Structures are given as C-alpha cells and as structure tokens.
Amino acid sequence: MPIEGVVSSLDEAPGAAVRDPVRATAAGTIAALVRTLRPKQWVKNLFVAAPLVFSRHLTSPTYAIKTALAVLAFCALSGAVYAFNDVRDVAADRLHPIKRHRPVAAGALSERAALIWAGVLAAGALGGCLVLSWKLAAFATAYLIQNVAYTLRLKQVAFIDVLLIASGFILRVLAGAVAIAVPASGWVLLCTTLLAVFLGFGKRAHELAWAERTGRAATTRAALAGYTLNVLKLAMLVLAVVTCGAFVAYTVDPHTIEYFSSDRLILSSPFVALGIVRFLSLSLWWPKDDSPTDAMLRDPWFLAILAGAAATMLYAIYG
C-alpha cells in the first residue's frame, strides 16, 4: 500500500477523529483563561518596580530578581481578581455590548474553572510572597482583600471606587519597596496617588460619556450614577495640574538632587506633562470606544512620550 494510503487509513481509524477536537477544546480553554486573566492589564504592576528604579538598585541582580518575582506575584494576583470579577459580574457582562465577549460571559470558560484558577493563582502568589518576605506577603494580602471587597460591593460606590483603585497602586509601590528592603519615597507615593486618581477619573469620564452617547446607561457600572461629566472634567484638569506640579517639586527638591547627585531629573518633567495631556485627549477630547487606559497602550504618541520619560529618568538617575 502506498504511504499516502497508510496515512489516510490511520487518519480514519477509530479515535483519531476525537483527538483533534479534544486538543482544540483544550487549546480553546487555555486561550479563554489567558484572556480572562487580562495580561495586557499587567503593565500596571510595573509600579511594583518603581522603588527598584528610584532607589538606584536597577543594576543590582539580587534586587532586580526580587523585584521581578514580586511583579510576577502581583500579576498572578491581578489575574485572579479579574477571573473572580468576571464570575461575579457574568450576568451584567452578558448585557454589555463589549463585555459580553469576555470568555466567562460568552461561555468559552466555565465559571467553575475561572474560580478554581483564581484560587490557584492567588494561593501561589501569596505563598511566593511569603517566601520572599512576610511584609511583602502582608501587602499582597491587603491588595487581594481590597480588590475582593471592590468586586463584591465597593466598585458600585462613586469616588470610593476610584480611591480604591488608587490605593491599589500605592500598595504596589509599598510592596516593591519591602521586597528589596528599601524605604518607599514619600514623593513617589504622592505622585503615584495623584496619577492613579487622575487615571481613574479619566476612565469614569470616558465610560460616562460613552453611556450618554450610546444611550446604554443601563448596561454600565452602577457607580456612574454618582458621577457627572462636568465634575469629572474639572477634577481631571485640577489633578493634571497638581500631578505635574508635584512631580516638578520632586525633581527640584534638595533631598532628591542630593540623593541622585544630579539635578537632571527635571528633564523628564516635560514628558510627564505631555503624557498627562495625551491621556486627557484620549479620555475627554477625542475619545475612542476603548477605555483610555487601554487605548493609551496602543497609542503611538503616548508610547513615544512614555519612552522619552523613561529614557530621561534613567539618564538622570543612573547617567
């Protein structure tokens, strides 16, 4: 029999037809799980690395490895929270024109599987943090508890929801500091808080404008009922100015100049200001259908500004 015939007969053998569907189903489940964990949102966990950069230990392998492990732990925690959130909100997500495509809402990933993986990831992340440092484990636990409370109830309360988002960024910075046993800079914490609240209000403003524009207020988050677009716009403009001012004050603070043995950090302030203005345009002035926090990661102008800010900061700190 020709070899082609042998291959053909094997393909038609009993059981051959079920192996590919099984493999395809497993691959589809894995893909659905990855989407549920929202890896593109893990960029927020780079705030865990802020103490590494600003403590001038970026070139130390020991400090860098500890920070990388802490970042990975927070990525796992973030993924666990997103999976839990999707199970909790599955009914509301199915009514939303965009969120209904999430794997749990669409039926590509079962609620049971999402909860199991959420538990596995959370337990693994907290265990890993405990191995590194009990203080790191404490901040990671606080981050997880806060996010569970946010998902269960507090995200429905206007302004409290954004403040909790901001506190999540603060916990990331504090976790990064204890991971390498360095003090967290008060200036870095202040700038992080202001920036996080600014970004949170920008996301709410975008959602509120989108709901009004499309007439889908009933399918959006409950907290939006406590916001008005004019108040959010005013708050964002004030926060934009205050955030830029706080960063400039940090760069010219005598302690900062003495610590870095340089006054060059101020060179990064124009990029910080441009980044804030670009976010304002994405959230208020020329909004897209995507969330502004998602859109900015695909926006070439914002990415160019971010690269400029990173380059000038590294030059000022390590140059």
C-alpha atoms as a PDB file:
ATOM      1  CA  MET A   1       0.000   0.000   0.000  1.00  0.00           C
ATOM      2  CA  PRO A   2       1.394   3.490  -0.831  1.00  0.00           C
ATOM      3  CA  ILE A   3       2.428   5.598   2.126  1.00  0.00           C
ATOM      4  CA  GLU A   4      -0.371   8.075   1.376  1.00  0.00           C
ATOM      5  CA  GLY A   5      -2.871   5.248   1.832  1.00  0.00           C
ATOM      6  CA  VAL A   6      -1.372   4.250   5.167  1.00  0.00           C
ATOM      7  CA  VAL A   7      -1.601   7.825   6.456  1.00  0.00           C
ATOM      8  CA  SER A   8      -5.156   8.102   5.170  1.00  0.00           C
ATOM      9  CA  SER A   9      -6.194   4.867   6.876  1.00  0.00           C
ATOM     10  CA  LEU A  10      -4.640   5.991  10.147  1.00  0.00           C
ATOM     11  CA  ASP A  11      -6.486   9.296   9.983  1.00  0.00           C
ATOM     12  CA  GLU A  12      -9.734   7.395   9.538  1.00  0.00           C
ATOM     13  CA  ALA A  13      -9.059   4.925  12.384  1.00  0.00           C
ATOM     14  CA  PRO A  14     -11.436   4.925  15.374  1.00  0.00           C
ATOM     15  CA  GLY A  15     -10.417   7.512  17.960  1.00  0.00           C
ATOM     16  CA  ALA A  16      -8.425   9.640  15.502  1.00  0.00           C
ATOM     17  CA  ALA A  17     -11.407  11.884  14.956  1.00  0.00           C
ATOM     18  CA  VAL A  18     -11.734  12.709  18.636  1.00  0.00           C
ATOM     19  CA  ARG A  19      -8.109  13.527  19.342  1.00  0.00           C
ATOM     20  CA  ASP A  20      -8.033  16.774  17.351  1.00  0.00           C
ATOM     21  CA  PRO A  21     -11.327  18.083  18.799  1.00  0.00           C
ATOM     22  CA  VAL A  22     -10.072  17.331  22.303  1.00  0.00           C
ATOM     23  CA  ARG A  23      -6.806  19.095  21.603  1.00  0.00           C
ATOM     24  CA  ALA A  24      -8.670  22.013  20.051  1.00  0.00           C
ATOM     25  CA  THR A  25     -11.002  22.234  23.041  1.00  0.00           C
ATOM     26  CA  ALA A  26      -8.073  22.271  25.478  1.00  0.00           C
ATOM     27  CA  ALA A  27      -6.328  24.960  23.443  1.00  0.00           C
ATOM     28  CA  GLY A  28      -9.521  26.995  23.356  1.00  0.00           C
ATOM     29  CA  THR A  29      -9.943  26.715  27.123  1.00  0.00           C
ATOM     30  CA  ILE A  30      -6.351  27.831  27.710  1.00  0.00           C
ATOM     31  CA  ALA A  31      -6.814  30.780  25.355  1.00  0.00           C
ATOM     32  CA  ALA A  32     -10.042  31.724  27.125  1.00  0.00           C
ATOM     33  CA  LEU A  33      -8.307  31.537  30.505  1.00  0.00           C
ATOM     34  CA  VAL A  34      -5.459  33.756  29.326  1.00  0.00           C
ATOM     35  CA  ARG A  35      -7.945  36.328  28.042  1.00  0.00           C
ATOM     36  CA  THR A  36      -9.788  36.215  31.369  1.00  0.00           C
ATOM     37  CA  LEU A  37      -6.579  36.941  33.282  1.00  0.00           C
ATOM     38  CA  ARG A  38      -6.141  40.150  31.197  1.00  0.00           C
ATOM     39  CA  PRO A  39      -2.355  40.022  30.669  1.00  0.00           C
ATOM     40  CA  LYS A  40      -2.425  43.370  28.858  1.00  0.00           C
ATOM     41  CA  GLN A  41      -3.503  44.964  32.149  1.00  0.00           C
ATOM     42  CA  TRP A  42      -0.481  43.581  33.986  1.00  0.00           C
ATOM     43  CA  VAL A  43       1.541  46.588  32.862  1.00  0.00           C
ATOM     44  CA  LYS A  44       0.057  48.328  35.930  1.00  0.00           C
ATOM     45  CA  ASN A  45       2.125  46.007  38.086  1.00  0.00           C
ATOM     46  CA  LEU A  46       5.299  47.692  36.867  1.00  0.00           C
ATOM     47  CA  PHE A  47       4.613  50.156  39.678  1.00  0.00           C
ATOM     48  CA  VAL A  48       5.984  47.393  41.919  1.00  0.00           C
ATOM     49  CA  ALA A  49       9.337  48.082  40.253  1.00  0.00           C
ATOM     50  CA  ALA A  50       9.276  51.841  40.973  1.00  0.00           C
ATOM     51  CA  PRO A  51      11.252  51.522  44.249  1.00  0.00           C
ATOM     52  CA  LEU A  52      13.890  49.464  42.432  1.00  0.00           C
ATOM     53  CA  VAL A  53      14.414  52.225  39.864  1.00  0.00           C
ATOM     54  CA  PHE A  54      14.279  55.211  42.210  1.00  0.00           C
ATOM     55  CA  SER A  55      16.450  53.556  44.887  1.00  0.00           C
ATOM     56  CA  ARG A  56      19.237  53.247  42.285  1.00  0.00           C
ATOM     57  CA  HIS A  57      19.366  49.450  42.526  1.00  0.00           C
ATOM     58  CA  LEU A  58      18.234  48.679  38.982  1.00  0.00           C
ATOM     59  CA  THR A  59      21.665  47.324  38.041  1.00  0.00           C
ATOM     60  CA  SER A  60      21.861  45.001  41.050  1.00  0.00           C
ATOM     61  CA  PRO A  61      20.951  41.407  40.018  1.00  0.00           C
ATOM     62  CA  THR A  62      19.822  40.456  43.536  1.00  0.00           C
ATOM     63  CA  TYR A  63      17.459  43.418  43.851  1.00  0.00           C
ATOM     64  CA  ALA A  64      16.255  43.036  40.272  1.00  0.00           C
ATOM     65  CA  ILE A  65      15.399  39.338  40.744  1.00  0.00           C
ATOM     66  CA  LYS A  66      13.472  40.028  43.954  1.00  0.00           C
ATOM     67  CA  THR A  67      11.541  42.806  42.244  1.00  0.00           C
ATOM     68  CA  ALA A  68      10.803  40.633  39.205  1.00  0.00           C
ATOM     69  CA  LEU A  69       9.390  37.913  41.461  1.00  0.00           C
ATOM     70  CA  ALA A  70       7.239  40.491  43.274  1.00  0.00           C
ATOM     71  CA  VAL A  71       5.954  41.805  39.933  1.00  0.00           C
ATOM     72  CA  LEU A  72       5.096  38.264  38.829  1.00  0.00           C
ATOM     73  CA  ALA A  73       3.254  37.656  42.106  1.00  0.00           C
ATOM     74  CA  PHE A  74       1.142  40.775  41.593  1.00  0.00           C
ATOM     75  CA  CYS A  75       0.451  39.746  38.005  1.00  0.00           C
ATOM     76  CA  ALA A  76      -0.892  36.454  39.328  1.00  0.00           C
ATOM     77  CA  LEU A  77      -2.981  38.273  41.928  1.00  0.00           C
ATOM     78  CA  SER A  78      -4.326  40.646  39.288  1.00  0.00           C
ATOM     79  CA  GLY A  79      -5.276  37.724  37.069  1.00  0.00           C
ATOM     80  CA  ALA A  80      -7.024  36.005  39.989  1.00  0.00           C
ATOM     81  CA  VAL A  81      -9.012  39.156  40.735  1.00  0.00           C
ATOM     82  CA  TYR A  82     -10.042  39.555  37.080  1.00  0.00           C
ATOM     83  CA  ALA A  83     -11.229  35.930  36.939  1.00  0.00           C
ATOM     84  CA  PHE A  84     -13.231  36.355  40.150  1.00  0.00           C
ATOM     85  CA  ASN A  85     -14.654  39.643  38.867  1.00  0.00           C
ATOM     86  CA  ASP A  86     -15.843  38.043  35.625  1.00  0.00           C
ATOM     87  CA  VAL A  87     -17.682  35.313  37.518  1.00  0.00           C
ATOM     88  CA  ARG A  88     -19.220  37.838  39.880  1.00  0.00           C
ATOM     89  CA  ASP A  89     -20.365  40.117  37.028  1.00  0.00           C
ATOM     90  CA  VAL A  90     -21.277  37.451  34.477  1.00  0.00           C
ATOM     91  CA  ALA A  91     -24.976  38.413  34.327  1.00  0.00           C
ATOM     92  CA  ALA A  92     -24.271  42.128  33.852  1.00  0.00           C
ATOM     93  CA  ASP A  93     -21.464  41.454  31.370  1.00  0.00           C
ATOM     94  CA  ARG A  94     -23.833  39.493  29.123  1.00  0.00           C
ATOM     95  CA  LEU A  95     -25.942  42.659  28.736  1.00  0.00           C
ATOM     96  CA  HIS A  96     -22.944  44.841  27.859  1.00  0.00           C
ATOM     97  CA  PRO A  97     -22.114  45.245  24.140  1.00  0.00           C
ATOM     98  CA  ILE A  98     -18.363  44.836  24.719  1.00  0.00           C
ATOM     99  CA  LYS A  99     -18.036  42.901  27.983  1.00  0.00           C
ATOM    100  CA  ARG A 100     -20.361  40.158  26.701  1.00  0.00           C
ATOM    101  CA  HIS A 101     -17.402  38.928  24.650  1.00  0.00           C
ATOM    102  CA  ARG A 102     -15.404  38.138  27.796  1.00  0.00           C
ATOM    103  CA  PRO A 103     -14.772  34.359  27.976  1.00  0.00           C
ATOM    104  CA  VAL A 104     -16.890  33.690  31.067  1.00  0.00           C
ATOM    105  CA  ALA A 105     -19.813  35.784  29.834  1.00  0.00           C
ATOM    106  CA  ALA A 106     -19.549  34.246  26.364  1.00  0.00           C
ATOM    107  CA  GLY A 107     -19.410  30.686  27.734  1.00  0.00           C
ATOM    108  CA  ALA A 108     -15.883  29.990  26.460  1.00  0.00           C
ATOM    109  CA  LEU A 109     -14.695  29.454  30.047  1.00  0.00           C
ATOM    110  CA  SER A 110     -16.885  27.952  32.763  1.00  0.00           C
ATOM    111  CA  GLU A 111     -17.481  29.865  35.976  1.00  0.00           C
ATOM    112  CA  ARG A 112     -16.167  26.891  37.961  1.00  0.00           C
ATOM    113  CA  ALA A 113     -12.898  26.802  36.020  1.00  0.00           C
ATOM    114  CA  ALA A 114     -12.443  30.560  36.416  1.00  0.00           C
ATOM    115  CA  LEU A 115     -12.923  30.338  40.190  1.00  0.00           C
ATOM    116  CA  ILE A 116     -10.561  27.367  40.503  1.00  0.00           C
ATOM    117  CA  TRP A 117      -7.813  29.180  38.629  1.00  0.00           C
ATOM    118  CA  ALA A 118      -8.441  32.347  40.628  1.00  0.00           C
ATOM    119  CA  GLY A 119      -7.868  30.377  43.830  1.00  0.00           C
ATOM    120  CA  VAL A 120      -4.776  28.617  42.487  1.00  0.00           C
ATOM    121  CA  LEU A 121      -3.174  31.847  41.290  1.00  0.00           C
ATOM    122  CA  ALA A 122      -3.975  33.753  44.486  1.00  0.00           C
ATOM    123  CA  ALA A 123      -2.633  30.974  46.721  1.00  0.00           C
ATOM    124  CA  GLY A 124       0.511  30.586  44.629  1.00  0.00           C
ATOM    125  CA  ALA A 125       1.181  34.329  44.575  1.00  0.00           C
ATOM    126  CA  LEU A 126       0.701  34.776  48.332  1.00  0.00           C
ATOM    127  CA  GLY A 127       2.851  31.724  49.048  1.00  0.00           C
ATOM    128  CA  GLY A 128       5.620  33.063  46.826  1.00  0.00           C
ATOM    129  CA  CYS A 129       5.458  36.464  48.507  1.00  0.00           C
ATOM    130  CA  LEU A 130       5.699  34.840  51.939  1.00  0.00           C
ATOM    131  CA  VAL A 131       8.878  33.039  50.856  1.00  0.00           C
ATOM    132  CA  LEU A 132      10.424  36.360  49.845  1.00  0.00           C
ATOM    133  CA  SER A 133       9.243  38.449  52.797  1.00  0.00           C
ATOM    134  CA  TRP A 134       6.391  38.402  55.287  1.00  0.00           C
ATOM    135  CA  LYS A 135       5.988  42.143  54.762  1.00  0.00           C
ATOM    136  CA  LEU A 136       5.586  41.579  51.026  1.00  0.00           C
ATOM    137  CA  ALA A 137       3.010  38.877  51.776  1.00  0.00           C
ATOM    138  CA  ALA A 138       1.158  41.325  54.049  1.00  0.00           C
ATOM    139  CA  PHE A 139       0.908  43.980  51.339  1.00  0.00           C
ATOM    140  CA  ALA A 140      -0.070  41.369  48.755  1.00  0.00           C
ATOM    141  CA  THR A 141      -2.796  40.074  51.071  1.00  0.00           C
ATOM    142  CA  ALA A 142      -4.060  43.611  51.642  1.00  0.00           C
ATOM    143  CA  TYR A 143      -4.124  44.133  47.868  1.00  0.00           C
ATOM    144  CA  LEU A 144      -6.129  40.923  47.362  1.00  0.00           C
ATOM    145  CA  ILE A 145      -8.618  41.684  50.156  1.00  0.00           C
ATOM    146  CA  GLN A 146      -9.129  45.209  48.874  1.00  0.00           C
ATOM    147  CA  ASN A 147      -9.801  44.018  45.348  1.00  0.00           C
ATOM    148  CA  VAL A 148     -12.238  41.333  46.513  1.00  0.00           C
ATOM    149  CA  ALA A 149     -14.117  43.991  48.510  1.00  0.00           C
ATOM    150  CA  TYR A 150     -14.048  46.246  45.451  1.00  0.00           C
ATOM    151  CA  THR A 151     -15.500  43.493  43.273  1.00  0.00           C
ATOM    152  CA  LEU A 152     -18.191  42.458  45.749  1.00  0.00           C
ATOM    153  CA  ARG A 153     -19.555  45.876  46.637  1.00  0.00           C
ATOM    154  CA  LEU A 154     -17.331  48.952  46.723  1.00  0.00           C
ATOM    155  CA  LYS A 155     -16.975  49.402  42.967  1.00  0.00           C
ATOM    156  CA  GLN A 156     -20.628  50.422  42.993  1.00  0.00           C
ATOM    157  CA  VAL A 157     -19.906  53.469  45.186  1.00  0.00           C
ATOM    158  CA  ALA A 158     -18.895  56.615  43.311  1.00  0.00           C
ATOM    159  CA  PHE A 159     -15.497  58.128  44.224  1.00  0.00           C
ATOM    160  CA  ILE A 160     -14.786  55.278  46.654  1.00  0.00           C
ATOM    161  CA  ASP A 161     -14.217  53.063  43.603  1.00  0.00           C
ATOM    162  CA  VAL A 162     -11.535  55.379  42.195  1.00  0.00           C
ATOM    163  CA  LEU A 163      -9.892  55.860  45.599  1.00  0.00           C
ATOM    164  CA  LEU A 164      -9.639  52.080  45.952  1.00  0.00           C
ATOM    165  CA  ILE A 165      -8.038  51.859  42.519  1.00  0.00           C
ATOM    166  CA  ALA A 166      -5.519  54.484  43.627  1.00  0.00           C
ATOM    167  CA  SER A 167      -4.805  52.616  46.863  1.00  0.00           C
ATOM    168  CA  GLY A 168      -4.076  49.532  44.770  1.00  0.00           C
ATOM    169  CA  PHE A 169      -1.261  51.414  43.064  1.00  0.00           C
ATOM    170  CA  ILE A 170       0.044  52.601  46.434  1.00  0.00           C
ATOM    171  CA  LEU A 171       0.080  49.023  47.708  1.00  0.00           C
ATOM    172  CA  ARG A 172       2.053  48.002  44.618  1.00  0.00           C
ATOM    173  CA  VAL A 173       4.734  50.619  45.331  1.00  0.00           C
ATOM    174  CA  LEU A 174       4.889  49.699  49.023  1.00  0.00           C
ATOM    175  CA  ALA A 175       5.152  46.015  48.105  1.00  0.00           C
ATOM    176  CA  GLY A 176       8.018  46.761  45.741  1.00  0.00           C
ATOM    177  CA  ALA A 177       9.814  48.664  48.496  1.00  0.00           C
ATOM    178  CA  VAL A 178       9.573  45.891  51.111  1.00  0.00           C
ATOM    179  CA  ALA A 179      10.528  43.269  48.520  1.00  0.00           C
ATOM    180  CA  ILE A 180      14.010  44.796  48.342  1.00  0.00           C
ATOM    181  CA  ALA A 181      14.001  46.277  51.873  1.00  0.00           C
ATOM    182  CA  VAL A 182      14.272  49.936  50.902  1.00  0.00           C
ATOM    183  CA  PRO A 183      12.169  52.839  52.237  1.00  0.00           C
ATOM    184  CA  ALA A 184       9.348  53.987  49.968  1.00  0.00           C
ATOM    185  CA  SER A 185       9.858  57.562  48.814  1.00  0.00           C
ATOM    186  CA  GLY A 186       7.145  59.920  50.018  1.00  0.00           C
ATOM    187  CA  TRP A 187       7.378  61.832  46.753  1.00  0.00           C
ATOM    188  CA  VAL A 188       6.943  58.665  44.695  1.00  0.00           C
ATOM    189  CA  LEU A 189       3.910  57.674  46.772  1.00  0.00           C
ATOM    190  CA  LEU A 190       2.380  61.138  46.379  1.00  0.00           C
ATOM    191  CA  CYS A 191       2.906  61.254  42.608  1.00  0.00           C
ATOM    192  CA  THR A 192       1.595  57.686  42.287  1.00  0.00           C
ATOM    193  CA  THR A 193      -1.558  58.561  44.231  1.00  0.00           C
ATOM    194  CA  LEU A 194      -2.288  61.680  42.194  1.00  0.00           C
ATOM    195  CA  LEU A 195      -1.622  59.918  38.905  1.00  0.00           C
ATOM    196  CA  ALA A 196      -3.778  56.912  39.841  1.00  0.00           C
ATOM    197  CA  VAL A 197      -6.746  59.079  40.842  1.00  0.00           C
ATOM    198  CA  PHE A 198      -6.315  61.084  37.624  1.00  0.00           C
ATOM    199  CA  LEU A 199      -6.356  57.905  35.519  1.00  0.00           C
ATOM    200  CA  GLY A 200      -9.323  56.520  37.462  1.00  0.00           C
ATOM    201  CA  PHE A 201     -11.390  59.654  36.916  1.00  0.00           C
ATOM    202  CA  GLY A 202     -10.406  59.589  33.240  1.00  0.00           C
ATOM    203  CA  LYS A 203     -11.747  56.068  32.883  1.00  0.00           C
ATOM    204  CA  ARG A 204     -15.019  57.003  34.597  1.00  0.00           C
ATOM    205  CA  ALA A 205     -15.390  60.121  32.458  1.00  0.00           C
ATOM    206  CA  HIS A 206     -14.897  58.049  29.318  1.00  0.00           C
ATOM    207  CA  GLU A 207     -17.457  55.459  30.480  1.00  0.00           C
ATOM    208  CA  LEU A 208     -19.994  58.136  31.355  1.00  0.00           C
ATOM    209  CA  ALA A 209     -19.564  59.916  28.018  1.00  0.00           C
ATOM    210  CA  TRP A 210     -19.840  56.596  26.181  1.00  0.00           C
ATOM    211  CA  ALA A 211     -23.032  55.701  28.080  1.00  0.00           C
ATOM    212  CA  GLU A 212     -24.601  59.061  27.263  1.00  0.00           C
ATOM    213  CA  ARG A 213     -23.524  58.897  23.637  1.00  0.00           C
ATOM    214  CA  THR A 214     -24.827  55.379  23.026  1.00  0.00           C
ATOM    215  CA  GLY A 215     -27.834  55.500  25.347  1.00  0.00           C
ATOM    216  CA  ARG A 216     -26.624  52.389  27.208  1.00  0.00           C
ATOM    217  CA  ALA A 217     -26.606  53.765  30.742  1.00  0.00           C
ATOM    218  CA  ALA A 218     -28.432  50.687  31.990  1.00  0.00           C
ATOM    219  CA  THR A 219     -25.585  48.389  30.950  1.00  0.00           C
ATOM    220  CA  THR A 220     -22.758  50.375  32.547  1.00  0.00           C
ATOM    221  CA  ARG A 221     -21.332  50.171  36.070  1.00  0.00           C
ATOM    222  CA  ALA A 222     -23.591  51.284  38.938  1.00  0.00           C
ATOM    223  CA  ALA A 223     -21.079  53.807  40.317  1.00  0.00           C
ATOM    224  CA  LEU A 224     -21.514  56.034  37.268  1.00  0.00           C
ATOM    225  CA  ALA A 225     -24.857  57.188  38.670  1.00  0.00           C
ATOM    226  CA  GLY A 226     -22.900  59.108  41.317  1.00  0.00           C
ATOM    227  CA  TYR A 227     -20.736  60.986  38.802  1.00  0.00           C
ATOM    228  CA  THR A 228     -21.403  63.882  36.454  1.00  0.00           C
ATOM    229  CA  LEU A 229     -19.262  64.539  33.414  1.00  0.00           C
ATOM    230  CA  ASN A 230     -18.645  68.197  34.281  1.00  0.00           C
ATOM    231  CA  VAL A 231     -17.397  67.322  37.777  1.00  0.00           C
ATOM    232  CA  LEU A 232     -15.112  64.640  36.375  1.00  0.00           C
ATOM    233  CA  LYS A 233     -13.691  67.011  33.755  1.00  0.00           C
ATOM    234  CA  LEU A 234     -12.977  69.653  36.371  1.00  0.00           C
ATOM    235  CA  ALA A 235     -11.416  67.115  38.729  1.00  0.00           C
ATOM    236  CA  MET A 236      -9.205  65.777  35.946  1.00  0.00           C
ATOM    237  CA  LEU A 237      -7.972  69.225  34.942  1.00  0.00           C
ATOM    238  CA  VAL A 238      -7.150  70.081  38.563  1.00  0.00           C
ATOM    239  CA  LEU A 239      -5.414  66.754  39.099  1.00  0.00           C
ATOM    240  CA  ALA A 240      -3.445  67.174  35.874  1.00  0.00           C
ATOM    241  CA  VAL A 241      -2.000  70.460  37.111  1.00  0.00           C
ATOM    242  CA  VAL A 242      -1.392  69.197  40.655  1.00  0.00           C
ATOM    243  CA  THR A 243       0.261  65.983  39.437  1.00  0.00           C
ATOM    244  CA  CYS A 244       2.638  67.872  37.152  1.00  0.00           C
ATOM    245  CA  GLY A 245       3.391  70.323  39.960  1.00  0.00           C
ATOM    246  CA  ALA A 246       4.100  67.534  42.430  1.00  0.00           C
ATOM    247  CA  PHE A 247       6.492  65.815  40.034  1.00  0.00           C
ATOM    248  CA  VAL A 248       8.357  69.041  39.300  1.00  0.00           C
ATOM    249  CA  ALA A 249       8.593  69.722  43.048  1.00  0.00           C
ATOM    250  CA  TYR A 250      10.048  66.235  43.494  1.00  0.00           C
ATOM    251  CA  THR A 251      12.691  66.799  40.817  1.00  0.00           C
ATOM    252  CA  VAL A 252      13.899  70.102  42.328  1.00  0.00           C
ATOM    253  CA  ASP A 253      13.697  69.022  45.971  1.00  0.00           C
ATOM    254  CA  PRO A 254      17.170  69.412  47.538  1.00  0.00           C
ATOM    255  CA  HIS A 255      16.998  65.911  49.015  1.00  0.00           C
ATOM    256  CA  THR A 256      16.240  64.468  45.553  1.00  0.00           C
ATOM    257  CA  ILE A 257      19.153  66.333  43.977  1.00  0.00           C
ATOM    258  CA  GLU A 258      21.483  65.217  46.775  1.00  0.00           C
ATOM    259  CA  TYR A 259      20.305  61.585  46.618  1.00  0.00           C
ATOM    260  CA  PHE A 260      20.787  61.287  42.856  1.00  0.00           C
ATOM    261  CA  SER A 261      23.863  63.555  42.874  1.00  0.00           C
ATOM    262  CA  SER A 262      22.248  65.335  39.940  1.00  0.00           C
ATOM    263  CA  ASP A 263      19.607  67.934  39.130  1.00  0.00           C
ATOM    264  CA  ARG A 264      18.831  66.343  35.746  1.00  0.00           C
ATOM    265  CA  LEU A 265      15.596  64.591  36.781  1.00  0.00           C
ATOM    266  CA  ILE A 266      13.682  67.737  35.869  1.00  0.00           C
ATOM    267  CA  LEU A 267      14.471  66.938  32.227  1.00  0.00           C
ATOM    268  CA  SER A 268      11.759  64.268  32.386  1.00  0.00           C
ATOM    269  CA  SER A 269       9.038  66.697  33.542  1.00  0.00           C
ATOM    270  CA  PRO A 270       8.051  67.857  30.009  1.00  0.00           C
ATOM    271  CA  PHE A 271       7.408  64.220  29.047  1.00  0.00           C
ATOM    272  CA  VAL A 272       5.294  63.715  32.167  1.00  0.00           C
ATOM    273  CA  ALA A 273       3.231  66.789  31.279  1.00  0.00           C
ATOM    274  CA  LEU A 274       2.847  65.649  27.657  1.00  0.00           C
ATOM    275  CA  GLY A 275       1.740  62.191  28.798  1.00  0.00           C
ATOM    276  CA  ILE A 276      -0.941  63.693  31.029  1.00  0.00           C
ATOM    277  CA  VAL A 277      -2.170  65.941  28.224  1.00  0.00           C
ATOM    278  CA  ARG A 278      -2.270  62.990  25.837  1.00  0.00           C
ATOM    279  CA  PHE A 279      -4.362  60.994  28.333  1.00  0.00           C
ATOM    280  CA  LEU A 280      -6.746  63.942  28.617  1.00  0.00           C
ATOM    281  CA  SER A 281      -7.183  63.848  24.849  1.00  0.00           C
ATOM    282  CA  LEU A 282      -7.843  60.100  24.840  1.00  0.00           C
ATOM    283  CA  SER A 283     -10.372  60.261  27.666  1.00  0.00           C
ATOM    284  CA  LEU A 284     -12.101  63.630  27.150  1.00  0.00           C
ATOM    285  CA  TRP A 285     -11.298  65.415  23.920  1.00  0.00           C
ATOM    286  CA  TRP A 286     -11.008  62.730  21.247  1.00  0.00           C
ATOM    287  CA  PRO A 287     -12.215  59.567  22.989  1.00  0.00           C
ATOM    288  CA  LYS A 288     -12.254  56.165  21.310  1.00  0.00           C
ATOM    289  CA  ASP A 289     -14.613  53.292  22.052  1.00  0.00           C
ATOM    290  CA  ASP A 290     -11.859  51.555  24.019  1.00  0.00           C
ATOM    291  CA  SER A 291     -11.117  52.526  27.607  1.00  0.00           C
ATOM    292  CA  PRO A 292      -8.488  55.315  27.674  1.00  0.00           C
ATOM    293  CA  THR A 293      -6.245  53.156  29.870  1.00  0.00           C
ATOM    294  CA  ASP A 294      -6.352  50.516  27.119  1.00  0.00           C
ATOM    295  CA  ALA A 295      -6.127  52.999  24.257  1.00  0.00           C
ATOM    296  CA  MET A 296      -3.003  54.687  25.605  1.00  0.00           C
ATOM    297  CA  LEU A 297      -1.072  51.408  25.468  1.00  0.00           C
ATOM    298  CA  ARG A 298      -1.752  51.238  21.721  1.00  0.00           C
ATOM    299  CA  ASP A 299      -1.400  54.934  21.028  1.00  0.00           C
ATOM    300  CA  PRO A 300       1.901  55.656  19.215  1.00  0.00           C
ATOM    301  CA  TRP A 301       2.084  59.208  20.537  1.00  0.00           C
ATOM    302  CA  PHE A 302       1.624  58.134  24.143  1.00  0.00           C
ATOM    303  CA  LEU A 303       4.141  55.315  23.766  1.00  0.00           C
ATOM    304  CA  ALA A 304       6.689  57.727  22.296  1.00  0.00           C
ATOM    305  CA  ILE A 305       6.142  60.109  25.219  1.00  0.00           C
ATOM    306  CA  LEU A 306       6.469  57.221  27.668  1.00  0.00           C
ATOM    307  CA  ALA A 307       9.739  56.157  26.075  1.00  0.00           C
ATOM    308  CA  GLY A 308      11.051  59.700  26.360  1.00  0.00           C
ATOM    309  CA  ALA A 309      10.088  59.916  30.018  1.00  0.00           C
ATOM    310  CA  ALA A 310      11.704  56.566  30.824  1.00  0.00           C
ATOM    311  CA  ALA A 311      14.908  57.466  28.962  1.00  0.00           C
ATOM    312  CA  THR A 312      15.339  60.832  30.659  1.00  0.00           C
ATOM    313  CA  MET A 313      14.586  59.405  34.106  1.00  0.00           C
ATOM    314  CA  LEU A 314      17.110  56.610  33.676  1.00  0.00           C
ATOM    315  CA  TYR A 315      19.662  59.113  32.391  1.00  0.00           C
ATOM    316  CA  ALA A 316      19.079  61.404  35.376  1.00  0.00           C
ATOM    317  CA  ILE A 317      19.217  58.597  37.958  1.00  0.00           C
ATOM    318  CA  TYR A 318      21.934  56.378  36.505  1.00  0.00           C
ATOM    319  CA  GLY A 319      23.749  58.577  33.992  1.00  0.00           C
END
